Amino acid sequence: MDDSQSAGRKTKRFFSDEFKRDAVRLIVEEKYTFKAAADSLGVREQSLRQWHAKLAPKPEPCGENATLDELREENKRLRRELRRAELEREILKKATAYFAKESL
């Protein structure tokens, strides 16, 4: 055990872009759960979720011949994306106001 581990600190590990893409592929193509993929790769689930958010292909919009279930699923996904975008916008507004006040 090295000094950083004996002191209770964890060393930061770095993963190649290829490793991250392969990890995301397990979820997207092989249909692993985030937990199962993270466990099998020996990485944190949160790291895998971040890689997935950045690297996974965006779902295709439903076409005119979509089933009701496909439309519901897309609607659910779009509502999640909208909530996230609105939250990010609110955070940016507050940060802008804070930094504008600080610069006075």
PDB file of N, CA and C in Angstrom:
ATOM      1  N   MET A   1       0.854  -1.182   0.000  1.00  0.00           N
ATOM      2  CA  MET A   1       0.000   0.000   0.000  1.00  0.00           C
ATOM      3  C   MET A   1       0.894   1.238   0.000  1.00  0.00           C
ATOM      4  N   ASP A   2       0.595   2.201  -0.880  1.00  0.00           N
ATOM      5  CA  ASP A   2       1.439   3.394  -0.902  1.00  0.00           C
ATOM      6  C   ASP A   2       0.959   4.413   0.117  1.00  0.00           C
ATOM      7  N   ASP A   3       1.741   5.489   0.273  1.00  0.00           N
ATOM      8  CA  ASP A   3       1.437   6.489   1.301  1.00  0.00           C
ATOM      9  C   ASP A   3       0.081   7.148   1.115  1.00  0.00           C
ATOM     10  N   SER A   4      -0.318   7.415  -0.155  1.00  0.00           N
ATOM     11  CA  SER A   4      -1.591   8.107  -0.374  1.00  0.00           C
ATOM     12  C   SER A   4      -2.765   7.230   0.046  1.00  0.00           C
ATOM     13  N   GLN A   5      -2.656   5.916  -0.150  1.00  0.00           N
ATOM     14  CA  GLN A   5      -3.740   5.038   0.259  1.00  0.00           C
ATOM     15  C   GLN A   5      -3.742   4.849   1.764  1.00  0.00           C
ATOM     16  N   SER A   6      -2.558   4.789   2.365  1.00  0.00           N
ATOM     17  CA  SER A   6      -2.514   4.601   3.810  1.00  0.00           C
ATOM     18  C   SER A   6      -3.026   5.828   4.543  1.00  0.00           C
ATOM     19  N   ALA A   7      -2.966   6.982   3.912  1.00  0.00           N
ATOM     20  CA  ALA A   7      -3.469   8.206   4.529  1.00  0.00           C
ATOM     21  C   ALA A   7      -4.978   8.351   4.325  1.00  0.00           C
ATOM     22  N   GLY A   8      -5.603   7.383   3.609  1.00  0.00           N
ATOM     23  CA  GLY A   8      -7.045   7.450   3.405  1.00  0.00           C
ATOM     24  C   GLY A   8      -7.445   8.167   2.135  1.00  0.00           C
ATOM     25  N   ARG A   9      -6.473   8.618   1.372  1.00  0.00           N
ATOM     26  CA  ARG A   9      -6.788   9.303   0.116  1.00  0.00           C
ATOM     27  C   ARG A   9      -6.719   8.302  -1.015  1.00  0.00           C
ATOM     28  N   LYS A  10      -7.532   8.536  -2.018  1.00  0.00           N
ATOM     29  CA  LYS A  10      -7.495   7.686  -3.200  1.00  0.00           C
ATOM     30  C   LYS A  10      -6.765   8.433  -4.296  1.00  0.00           C
ATOM     31  N   THR A  11      -5.975   7.709  -5.057  1.00  0.00           N
ATOM     32  CA  THR A  11      -5.287   8.345  -6.167  1.00  0.00           C
ATOM     33  C   THR A  11      -6.242   8.438  -7.339  1.00  0.00           C
ATOM     34  N   LYS A  12      -6.119   9.506  -8.079  1.00  0.00           N
ATOM     35  CA  LYS A  12      -6.991   9.715  -9.227  1.00  0.00           C
ATOM     36  C   LYS A  12      -6.509   8.862 -10.388  1.00  0.00           C
ATOM     37  N   ARG A  13      -7.427   8.116 -10.959  1.00  0.00           N
ATOM     38  CA  ARG A  13      -7.092   7.259 -12.092  1.00  0.00           C
ATOM     39  C   ARG A  13      -7.547   7.941 -13.372  1.00  0.00           C
ATOM     40  N   PHE A  14      -6.784   7.733 -14.425  1.00  0.00           N
ATOM     41  CA  PHE A  14      -7.125   8.303 -15.722  1.00  0.00           C
ATOM     42  C   PHE A  14      -7.423   7.181 -16.693  1.00  0.00           C
ATOM     43  N   PHE A  15      -8.444   7.375 -17.514  1.00  0.00           N
ATOM     44  CA  PHE A  15      -8.852   6.371 -18.482  1.00  0.00           C
ATOM     45  C   PHE A  15      -8.779   6.973 -19.878  1.00  0.00           C
ATOM     46  N   SER A  16      -8.351   6.166 -20.820  1.00  0.00           N
ATOM     47  CA  SER A  16      -8.236   6.639 -22.200  1.00  0.00           C
ATOM     48  C   SER A  16      -9.628   6.862 -22.783  1.00  0.00           C
ATOM     49  N   ASP A  17      -9.681   7.662 -23.842  1.00  0.00           N
ATOM     50  CA  ASP A  17     -10.952   7.901 -24.527  1.00  0.00           C
ATOM     51  C   ASP A  17     -11.507   6.595 -25.085  1.00  0.00           C
ATOM     52  N   GLU A  18     -10.618   5.733 -25.559  1.00  0.00           N
ATOM     53  CA  GLU A  18     -11.056   4.444 -26.106  1.00  0.00           C
ATOM     54  C   GLU A  18     -11.716   3.593 -25.012  1.00  0.00           C
ATOM     55  N   PHE A  19     -11.124   3.575 -23.829  1.00  0.00           N
ATOM     56  CA  PHE A  19     -11.707   2.832 -22.709  1.00  0.00           C
ATOM     57  C   PHE A  19     -13.094   3.381 -22.384  1.00  0.00           C
ATOM     58  N   LYS A  20     -13.226   4.700 -22.349  1.00  0.00           N
ATOM     59  CA  LYS A  20     -14.517   5.320 -22.025  1.00  0.00           C
ATOM     60  C   LYS A  20     -15.555   4.972 -23.080  1.00  0.00           C
ATOM     61  N   ARG A  21     -15.174   5.022 -24.355  1.00  0.00           N
ATOM     62  CA  ARG A  21     -16.115   4.674 -25.436  1.00  0.00           C
ATOM     63  C   ARG A  21     -16.546   3.210 -25.321  1.00  0.00           C
ATOM     64  N   ASP A  22     -15.602   2.335 -25.027  1.00  0.00           N
ATOM     65  CA  ASP A  22     -15.937   0.916 -24.867  1.00  0.00           C
ATOM     66  C   ASP A  22     -16.856   0.702 -23.670  1.00  0.00           C
ATOM     67  N   ALA A  23     -16.623   1.443 -22.605  1.00  0.00           N
ATOM     68  CA  ALA A  23     -17.470   1.336 -21.417  1.00  0.00           C
ATOM     69  C   ALA A  23     -18.897   1.783 -21.742  1.00  0.00           C
ATOM     70  N   VAL A  24     -19.025   2.870 -22.467  1.00  0.00           N
ATOM     71  CA  VAL A  24     -20.347   3.375 -22.857  1.00  0.00           C
ATOM     72  C   VAL A  24     -21.028   2.378 -23.801  1.00  0.00           C
ATOM     73  N   ARG A  25     -20.248   1.731 -24.655  1.00  0.00           N
ATOM     74  CA  ARG A  25     -20.800   0.739 -25.588  1.00  0.00           C
ATOM     75  C   ARG A  25     -21.466  -0.416 -24.832  1.00  0.00           C
ATOM     76  N   LEU A  26     -20.922  -0.779 -23.682  1.00  0.00           N
ATOM     77  CA  LEU A  26     -21.543  -1.833 -22.883  1.00  0.00           C
ATOM     78  C   LEU A  26     -22.981  -1.472 -22.519  1.00  0.00           C
ATOM     79  N   ILE A  27     -23.216  -0.224 -22.250  1.00  0.00           N
ATOM     80  CA  ILE A  27     -24.550   0.227 -21.858  1.00  0.00           C
ATOM     81  C   ILE A  27     -25.447   0.388 -23.081  1.00  0.00           C
ATOM     82  N   VAL A  28     -24.921   1.054 -24.101  1.00  0.00           N
ATOM     83  CA  VAL A  28     -25.732   1.384 -25.274  1.00  0.00           C
ATOM     84  C   VAL A  28     -26.043   0.148 -26.116  1.00  0.00           C
ATOM     85  N   GLU A  29     -25.024  -0.624 -26.433  1.00  0.00           N
ATOM     86  CA  GLU A  29     -25.208  -1.743 -27.363  1.00  0.00           C
ATOM     87  C   GLU A  29     -25.456  -3.076 -26.655  1.00  0.00           C
ATOM     88  N   GLU A  30     -24.755  -3.304 -25.570  1.00  0.00           N
ATOM     89  CA  GLU A  30     -24.865  -4.596 -24.883  1.00  0.00           C
ATOM     90  C   GLU A  30     -25.951  -4.604 -23.816  1.00  0.00           C
ATOM     91  N   LYS A  31     -26.552  -3.449 -23.565  1.00  0.00           N
ATOM     92  CA  LYS A  31     -27.679  -3.299 -22.637  1.00  0.00           C
ATOM     93  C   LYS A  31     -27.332  -3.650 -21.183  1.00  0.00           C
ATOM     94  N   TYR A  32     -26.077  -3.412 -20.797  1.00  0.00           N
ATOM     95  CA  TYR A  32     -25.698  -3.558 -19.389  1.00  0.00           C
ATOM     96  C   TYR A  32     -26.373  -2.442 -18.599  1.00  0.00           C
ATOM     97  N   THR A  33     -26.631  -2.680 -17.320  1.00  0.00           N
ATOM     98  CA  THR A  33     -27.046  -1.586 -16.448  1.00  0.00           C
ATOM     99  C   THR A  33     -25.784  -0.800 -16.099  1.00  0.00           C
ATOM    100  N   PHE A  34     -25.958   0.432 -15.621  1.00  0.00           N
ATOM    101  CA  PHE A  34     -24.794   1.231 -15.224  1.00  0.00           C
ATOM    102  C   PHE A  34     -24.019   0.513 -14.123  1.00  0.00           C
ATOM    103  N   LYS A  35     -24.745  -0.049 -13.160  1.00  0.00           N
ATOM    104  CA  LYS A  35     -24.083  -0.726 -12.045  1.00  0.00           C
ATOM    105  C   LYS A  35     -23.303  -1.940 -12.526  1.00  0.00           C
ATOM    106  N   ALA A  36     -23.920  -2.758 -13.374  1.00  0.00           N
ATOM    107  CA  ALA A  36     -23.251  -3.968 -13.859  1.00  0.00           C
ATOM    108  C   ALA A  36     -22.006  -3.611 -14.678  1.00  0.00           C
ATOM    109  N   ALA A  37     -22.119  -2.601 -15.529  1.00  0.00           N
ATOM    110  CA  ALA A  37     -20.975  -2.195 -16.351  1.00  0.00           C
ATOM    111  C   ALA A  37     -19.859  -1.637 -15.466  1.00  0.00           C
ATOM    112  N   ALA A  38     -20.216  -0.799 -14.514  1.00  0.00           N
ATOM    113  CA  ALA A  38     -19.212  -0.213 -13.620  1.00  0.00           C
ATOM    114  C   ALA A  38     -18.512  -1.302 -12.804  1.00  0.00           C
ATOM    115  N   ASP A  39     -19.276  -2.240 -12.289  1.00  0.00           N
ATOM    116  CA  ASP A  39     -18.694  -3.333 -11.506  1.00  0.00           C
ATOM    117  C   ASP A  39     -17.757  -4.176 -12.358  1.00  0.00           C
ATOM    118  N   SER A  40     -18.172  -4.485 -13.580  1.00  0.00           N
ATOM    119  CA  SER A  40     -17.342  -5.350 -14.426  1.00  0.00           C
ATOM    120  C   SER A  40     -16.054  -4.657 -14.869  1.00  0.00           C
ATOM    121  N   LEU A  41     -16.087  -3.333 -14.953  1.00  0.00           N
ATOM    122  CA  LEU A  41     -14.909  -2.577 -15.389  1.00  0.00           C
ATOM    123  C   LEU A  41     -14.057  -2.067 -14.230  1.00  0.00           C
ATOM    124  N   GLY A  42     -14.599  -2.110 -13.033  1.00  0.00           N
ATOM    125  CA  GLY A  42     -13.859  -1.619 -11.877  1.00  0.00           C
ATOM    126  C   GLY A  42     -13.779  -0.111 -11.815  1.00  0.00           C
ATOM    127  N   VAL A  43     -14.859   0.557 -12.266  1.00  0.00           N
ATOM    128  CA  VAL A  43     -14.919   2.021 -12.216  1.00  0.00           C
ATOM    129  C   VAL A  43     -16.131   2.434 -11.392  1.00  0.00           C
ATOM    130  N   ARG A  44     -16.146   3.691 -10.999  1.00  0.00           N
ATOM    131  CA  ARG A  44     -17.296   4.213 -10.256  1.00  0.00           C
ATOM    132  C   ARG A  44     -18.483   4.362 -11.197  1.00  0.00           C
ATOM    133  N   GLU A  45     -19.655   4.061 -10.692  1.00  0.00           N
ATOM    134  CA  GLU A  45     -20.877   4.198 -11.495  1.00  0.00           C
ATOM    135  C   GLU A  45     -21.078   5.646 -11.936  1.00  0.00           C
ATOM    136  N   GLN A  46     -20.768   6.595 -11.063  1.00  0.00           N
ATOM    137  CA  GLN A  46     -20.930   8.009 -11.396  1.00  0.00           C
ATOM    138  C   GLN A  46     -20.030   8.399 -12.567  1.00  0.00           C
ATOM    139  N   SER A  47     -18.815   7.883 -12.593  1.00  0.00           N
ATOM    140  CA  SER A  47     -17.913   8.169 -13.720  1.00  0.00           C
ATOM    141  C   SER A  47     -18.503   7.637 -15.015  1.00  0.00           C
ATOM    142  N   LEU A  48     -19.028   6.429 -14.947  1.00  0.00           N
ATOM    143  CA  LEU A  48     -19.632   5.821 -16.131  1.00  0.00           C
ATOM    144  C   LEU A  48     -20.832   6.620 -16.604  1.00  0.00           C
ATOM    145  N   ARG A  49     -21.627   7.123 -15.690  1.00  0.00           N
ATOM    146  CA  ARG A  49     -22.784   7.949 -16.078  1.00  0.00           C
ATOM    147  C   ARG A  49     -22.330   9.248 -16.761  1.00  0.00           C
ATOM    148  N   GLN A  50     -21.258   9.832 -16.276  1.00  0.00           N
ATOM    149  CA  GLN A  50     -20.737  11.052 -16.905  1.00  0.00           C
ATOM    150  C   GLN A  50     -20.225  10.759 -18.308  1.00  0.00           C
ATOM    151  N   TRP A  51     -19.504   9.664 -18.467  1.00  0.00           N
ATOM    152  CA  TRP A  51     -19.008   9.293 -19.799  1.00  0.00           C
ATOM    153  C   TRP A  51     -20.174   9.050 -20.740  1.00  0.00           C
ATOM    154  N   HIS A  52     -21.214   8.393 -20.233  1.00  0.00           N
ATOM    155  CA  HIS A  52     -22.388   8.093 -21.050  1.00  0.00           C
ATOM    156  C   HIS A  52     -23.058   9.389 -21.511  1.00  0.00           C
ATOM    157  N   ALA A  53     -23.189  10.341 -20.602  1.00  0.00           N
ATOM    158  CA  ALA A  53     -23.830  11.612 -20.953  1.00  0.00           C
ATOM    159  C   ALA A  53     -23.062  12.331 -22.064  1.00  0.00           C
ATOM    160  N   LYS A  54     -21.741  12.202 -22.066  1.00  0.00           N
ATOM    161  CA  LYS A  54     -20.911  12.887 -23.059  1.00  0.00           C
ATOM    162  C   LYS A  54     -20.770  12.106 -24.363  1.00  0.00           C
ATOM    163  N   LEU A  55     -20.704  10.781 -24.267  1.00  0.00           N
ATOM    164  CA  LEU A  55     -20.289   9.988 -25.416  1.00  0.00           C
ATOM    165  C   LEU A  55     -21.392   9.175 -26.097  1.00  0.00           C
ATOM    166  N   ALA A  56     -22.478   8.924 -25.404  1.00  0.00           N
ATOM    167  CA  ALA A  56     -23.537   8.092 -25.997  1.00  0.00           C
ATOM    168  C   ALA A  56     -24.236   8.853 -27.115  1.00  0.00           C
ATOM    169  N   PRO A  57     -24.568   8.157 -28.187  1.00  0.00           N
ATOM    170  CA  PRO A  57     -25.290   8.832 -29.269  1.00  0.00           C
ATOM    171  C   PRO A  57     -26.676   9.258 -28.794  1.00  0.00           C
ATOM    172  N   LYS A  58     -27.105  10.391 -29.270  1.00  0.00           N
ATOM    173  CA  LYS A  58     -28.428  10.892 -28.905  1.00  0.00           C
ATOM    174  C   LYS A  58     -29.483  10.048 -29.621  1.00  0.00           C
ATOM    175  N   PRO A  59     -30.586   9.747 -28.935  1.00  0.00           N
ATOM    176  CA  PRO A  59     -31.631   8.930 -29.560  1.00  0.00           C
ATOM    177  C   PRO A  59     -32.253   9.652 -30.758  1.00  0.00           C
ATOM    178  N   GLU A  60     -32.614   8.870 -31.741  1.00  0.00           N
ATOM    179  CA  GLU A  60     -33.282   9.420 -32.916  1.00  0.00           C
ATOM    180  C   GLU A  60     -34.712   9.817 -32.542  1.00  0.00           C
ATOM    181  N   PRO A  61     -35.207  10.932 -33.103  1.00  0.00           N
ATOM    182  CA  PRO A  61     -36.605  11.284 -32.836  1.00  0.00           C
ATOM    183  C   PRO A  61     -37.540  10.249 -33.474  1.00  0.00           C
ATOM    184  N   CYS A  62     -38.699  10.111 -32.877  1.00  0.00           N
ATOM    185  CA  CYS A  62     -39.687   9.178 -33.424  1.00  0.00           C
ATOM    186  C   CYS A  62     -40.160   9.666 -34.787  1.00  0.00           C
ATOM    187  N   GLY A  63     -40.404   8.750 -35.650  1.00  0.00           N
ATOM    188  CA  GLY A  63     -40.922   9.086 -36.977  1.00  0.00           C
ATOM    189  C   GLY A  63     -42.440   9.130 -36.970  1.00  0.00           C
ATOM    190  N   GLU A  64     -42.997   9.308 -38.136  1.00  0.00           N
ATOM    191  CA  GLU A  64     -44.456   9.393 -38.252  1.00  0.00           C
ATOM    192  C   GLU A  64     -45.139   8.072 -37.933  1.00  0.00           C
ATOM    193  N   ASN A  65     -44.442   6.975 -38.085  1.00  0.00           N
ATOM    194  CA  ASN A  65     -45.036   5.659 -37.853  1.00  0.00           C
ATOM    195  C   ASN A  65     -44.726   5.108 -36.463  1.00  0.00           C
ATOM    196  N   ALA A  66     -44.365   5.973 -35.544  1.00  0.00           N
ATOM    197  CA  ALA A  66     -43.999   5.537 -34.194  1.00  0.00           C
ATOM    198  C   ALA A  66     -45.217   4.992 -33.462  1.00  0.00           C
ATOM    199  N   THR A  67     -44.964   4.022 -32.611  1.00  0.00           N
ATOM    200  CA  THR A  67     -46.046   3.490 -31.783  1.00  0.00           C
ATOM    201  C   THR A  67     -46.320   4.448 -30.631  1.00  0.00           C
ATOM    202  N   LEU A  68     -47.429   4.239 -29.988  1.00  0.00           N
ATOM    203  CA  LEU A  68     -47.796   5.078 -28.849  1.00  0.00           C
ATOM    204  C   LEU A  68     -46.751   4.956 -27.745  1.00  0.00           C
ATOM    205  N   ASP A  69     -46.251   3.751 -27.502  1.00  0.00           N
ATOM    206  CA  ASP A  69     -45.226   3.561 -26.474  1.00  0.00           C
ATOM    207  C   ASP A  69     -43.939   4.305 -26.828  1.00  0.00           C
ATOM    208  N   GLU A  70     -43.551   4.284 -28.098  1.00  0.00           N
ATOM    209  CA  GLU A  70     -42.344   5.006 -28.527  1.00  0.00           C
ATOM    210  C   GLU A  70     -42.521   6.503 -28.338  1.00  0.00           C
ATOM    211  N   LEU A  71     -43.698   7.008 -28.665  1.00  0.00           N
ATOM    212  CA  LEU A  71     -43.978   8.436 -28.490  1.00  0.00           C
ATOM    213  C   LEU A  71     -43.967   8.818 -27.009  1.00  0.00           C
ATOM    214  N   ARG A  72     -44.527   7.965 -26.173  1.00  0.00           N
ATOM    215  CA  ARG A  72     -44.524   8.241 -24.731  1.00  0.00           C
ATOM    216  C   ARG A  72     -43.095   8.264 -24.193  1.00  0.00           C
ATOM    217  N   GLU A  73     -42.286   7.307 -24.637  1.00  0.00           N
ATOM    218  CA  GLU A  73     -40.894   7.240 -24.188  1.00  0.00           C
ATOM    219  C   GLU A  73     -40.115   8.476 -24.640  1.00  0.00           C
ATOM    220  N   GLU A  74     -40.332   8.881 -25.878  1.00  0.00           N
ATOM    221  CA  GLU A  74     -39.649  10.085 -26.370  1.00  0.00           C
ATOM    222  C   GLU A  74     -40.116  11.317 -25.599  1.00  0.00           C
ATOM    223  N   ASN A  75     -41.392  11.403 -25.340  1.00  0.00           N
ATOM    224  CA  ASN A  75     -41.931  12.530 -24.586  1.00  0.00           C
ATOM    225  C   ASN A  75     -41.319  12.586 -23.192  1.00  0.00           C
ATOM    226  N   LYS A  76     -41.195  11.431 -22.564  1.00  0.00           N
ATOM    227  CA  LYS A  76     -40.578  11.344 -21.233  1.00  0.00           C
ATOM    228  C   LYS A  76     -39.120  11.814 -21.281  1.00  0.00           C
ATOM    229  N   ARG A  77     -38.383  11.348 -22.281  1.00  0.00           N
ATOM    230  CA  ARG A  77     -36.975  11.739 -22.433  1.00  0.00           C
ATOM    231  C   ARG A  77     -36.843  13.242 -22.677  1.00  0.00           C
ATOM    232  N   LEU A  78     -37.709  13.775 -23.532  1.00  0.00           N
ATOM    233  CA  LEU A  78     -37.647  15.207 -23.839  1.00  0.00           C
ATOM    234  C   LEU A  78     -38.002  16.063 -22.623  1.00  0.00           C
ATOM    235  N   ARG A  79     -38.952  15.601 -21.824  1.00  0.00           N
ATOM    236  CA  ARG A  79     -39.293  16.328 -20.594  1.00  0.00           C
ATOM    237  C   ARG A  79     -38.110  16.347 -19.633  1.00  0.00           C
ATOM    238  N   ARG A  80     -37.385  15.212 -19.516  1.00  0.00           N
ATOM    239  CA  ARG A  80     -36.186  15.169 -18.655  1.00  0.00           C
ATOM    240  C   ARG A  80     -35.139  16.151 -19.168  1.00  0.00           C
ATOM    241  N   GLU A  81     -34.920  16.151 -20.479  1.00  0.00           N
ATOM    242  CA  GLU A  81     -33.927  17.059 -21.061  1.00  0.00           C
ATOM    243  C   GLU A  81     -34.321  18.514 -20.830  1.00  0.00           C
ATOM    244  N   LEU A  82     -35.605  18.805 -20.965  1.00  0.00           N
ATOM    245  CA  LEU A  82     -36.083  20.168 -20.748  1.00  0.00           C
ATOM    246  C   LEU A  82     -35.879  20.586 -19.292  1.00  0.00           C
ATOM    247  N   ARG A  83     -36.214  19.708 -18.342  1.00  0.00           N
ATOM    248  CA  ARG A  83     -36.006  20.033 -16.913  1.00  0.00           C
ATOM    249  C   ARG A  83     -34.537  20.318 -16.640  1.00  0.00           C
ATOM    250  N   ARG A  84     -33.670  19.504 -17.217  1.00  0.00           N
ATOM    251  CA  ARG A  84     -32.237  19.698 -17.002  1.00  0.00           C
ATOM    252  C   ARG A  84     -31.773  21.029 -17.598  1.00  0.00           C
ATOM    253  N   ALA A  85     -32.221  21.334 -18.810  1.00  0.00           N
ATOM    254  CA  ALA A  85     -31.832  22.590 -19.459  1.00  0.00           C
ATOM    255  C   ALA A  85     -32.350  23.792 -18.673  1.00  0.00           C
ATOM    256  N   GLU A  86     -33.582  23.698 -18.159  1.00  0.00           N
ATOM    257  CA  GLU A  86     -34.128  24.796 -17.363  1.00  0.00           C
ATOM    258  C   GLU A  86     -33.341  24.977 -16.065  1.00  0.00           C
ATOM    259  N   LEU A  87     -32.964  23.869 -15.438  1.00  0.00           N
ATOM    260  CA  LEU A  87     -32.168  23.947 -14.211  1.00  0.00           C
ATOM    261  C   LEU A  87     -30.803  24.565 -14.493  1.00  0.00           C
ATOM    262  N   GLU A  88     -30.166  24.145 -15.575  1.00  0.00           N
ATOM    263  CA  GLU A  88     -28.865  24.712 -15.942  1.00  0.00           C
ATOM    264  C   GLU A  88     -28.985  26.206 -16.223  1.00  0.00           C
ATOM    265  N   ARG A  89     -30.054  26.606 -16.892  1.00  0.00           N
ATOM    266  CA  ARG A  89     -30.271  28.029 -17.188  1.00  0.00           C
ATOM    267  C   ARG A  89     -30.430  28.835 -15.900  1.00  0.00           C
ATOM    268  N   GLU A  90     -31.190  28.300 -14.940  1.00  0.00           N
ATOM    269  CA  GLU A  90     -31.377  28.989 -13.665  1.00  0.00           C
ATOM    270  C   GLU A  90     -30.055  29.133 -12.909  1.00  0.00           C
ATOM    271  N   ILE A  91     -29.253  28.092 -12.930  1.00  0.00           N
ATOM    272  CA  ILE A  91     -27.951  28.146 -12.262  1.00  0.00           C
ATOM    273  C   ILE A  91     -27.075  29.209 -12.921  1.00  0.00           C
ATOM    274  N   LEU A  92     -27.072  29.238 -14.237  1.00  0.00           N
ATOM    275  CA  LEU A  92     -26.271  30.247 -14.946  1.00  0.00           C
ATOM    276  C   LEU A  92     -26.765  31.661 -14.668  1.00  0.00           C
ATOM    277  N   LYS A  93     -28.071  31.849 -14.577  1.00  0.00           N
ATOM    278  CA  LYS A  93     -28.620  33.170 -14.255  1.00  0.00           C
ATOM    279  C   LYS A  93     -28.143  33.634 -12.878  1.00  0.00           C
ATOM    280  N   LYS A  94     -28.202  32.717 -11.915  1.00  0.00           N
ATOM    281  CA  LYS A  94     -27.781  33.053 -10.552  1.00  0.00           C
ATOM    282  C   LYS A  94     -26.280  33.332 -10.505  1.00  0.00           C
ATOM    283  N   ALA A  95     -25.511  32.550 -11.222  1.00  0.00           N
ATOM    284  CA  ALA A  95     -24.065  32.762 -11.251  1.00  0.00           C
ATOM    285  C   ALA A  95     -23.733  34.103 -11.898  1.00  0.00           C
ATOM    286  N   THR A  96     -24.429  34.430 -12.982  1.00  0.00           N
ATOM    287  CA  THR A  96     -24.201  35.708 -13.660  1.00  0.00           C
ATOM    288  C   THR A  96     -24.521  36.868 -12.727  1.00  0.00           C
ATOM    289  N   ALA A  97     -25.643  36.776 -12.031  1.00  0.00           N
ATOM    290  CA  ALA A  97     -26.029  37.836 -11.095  1.00  0.00           C
ATOM    291  C   ALA A  97     -25.005  37.948  -9.963  1.00  0.00           C
ATOM    292  N   TYR A  98     -24.541  36.813  -9.457  1.00  0.00           N
ATOM    293  CA  TYR A  98     -23.564  36.814  -8.381  1.00  0.00           C
ATOM    294  C   TYR A  98     -22.258  37.487  -8.824  1.00  0.00           C
ATOM    295  N   PHE A  99     -21.750  37.103  -9.987  1.00  0.00           N
ATOM    296  CA  PHE A  99     -20.484  37.659 -10.452  1.00  0.00           C
ATOM    297  C   PHE A  99     -20.627  39.129 -10.869  1.00  0.00           C
ATOM    298  N   ALA A 100     -21.796  39.498 -11.356  1.00  0.00           N
ATOM    299  CA  ALA A 100     -22.021  40.903 -11.696  1.00  0.00           C
ATOM    300  C   ALA A 100     -21.993  41.748 -10.411  1.00  0.00           C
ATOM    301  N   LYS A 101     -22.588  41.238  -9.345  1.00  0.00           N
ATOM    302  CA  LYS A 101     -22.612  41.955  -8.072  1.00  0.00           C
ATOM    303  C   LYS A 101     -21.195  42.017  -7.478  1.00  0.00           C
ATOM    304  N   GLU A 102     -20.427  40.942  -7.617  1.00  0.00           N
ATOM    305  CA  GLU A 102     -19.053  40.894  -7.099  1.00  0.00           C
ATOM    306  C   GLU A 102     -18.120  41.891  -7.792  1.00  0.00           C
ATOM    307  N   SER A 103     -18.393  42.160  -9.072  1.00  0.00           N
ATOM    308  CA  SER A 103     -17.500  43.026  -9.837  1.00  0.00           C
ATOM    309  C   SER A 103     -17.750  44.516  -9.573  1.00  0.00           C
ATOM    310  N   LEU A 104     -18.798  44.830  -8.823  1.00  0.00           N
ATOM    311  CA  LEU A 104     -19.088  46.253  -8.517  1.00  0.00           C
ATOM    312  C   LEU A 104     -18.187  46.805  -7.456  1.00  0.00           C
TER     313      LEU A 104
END
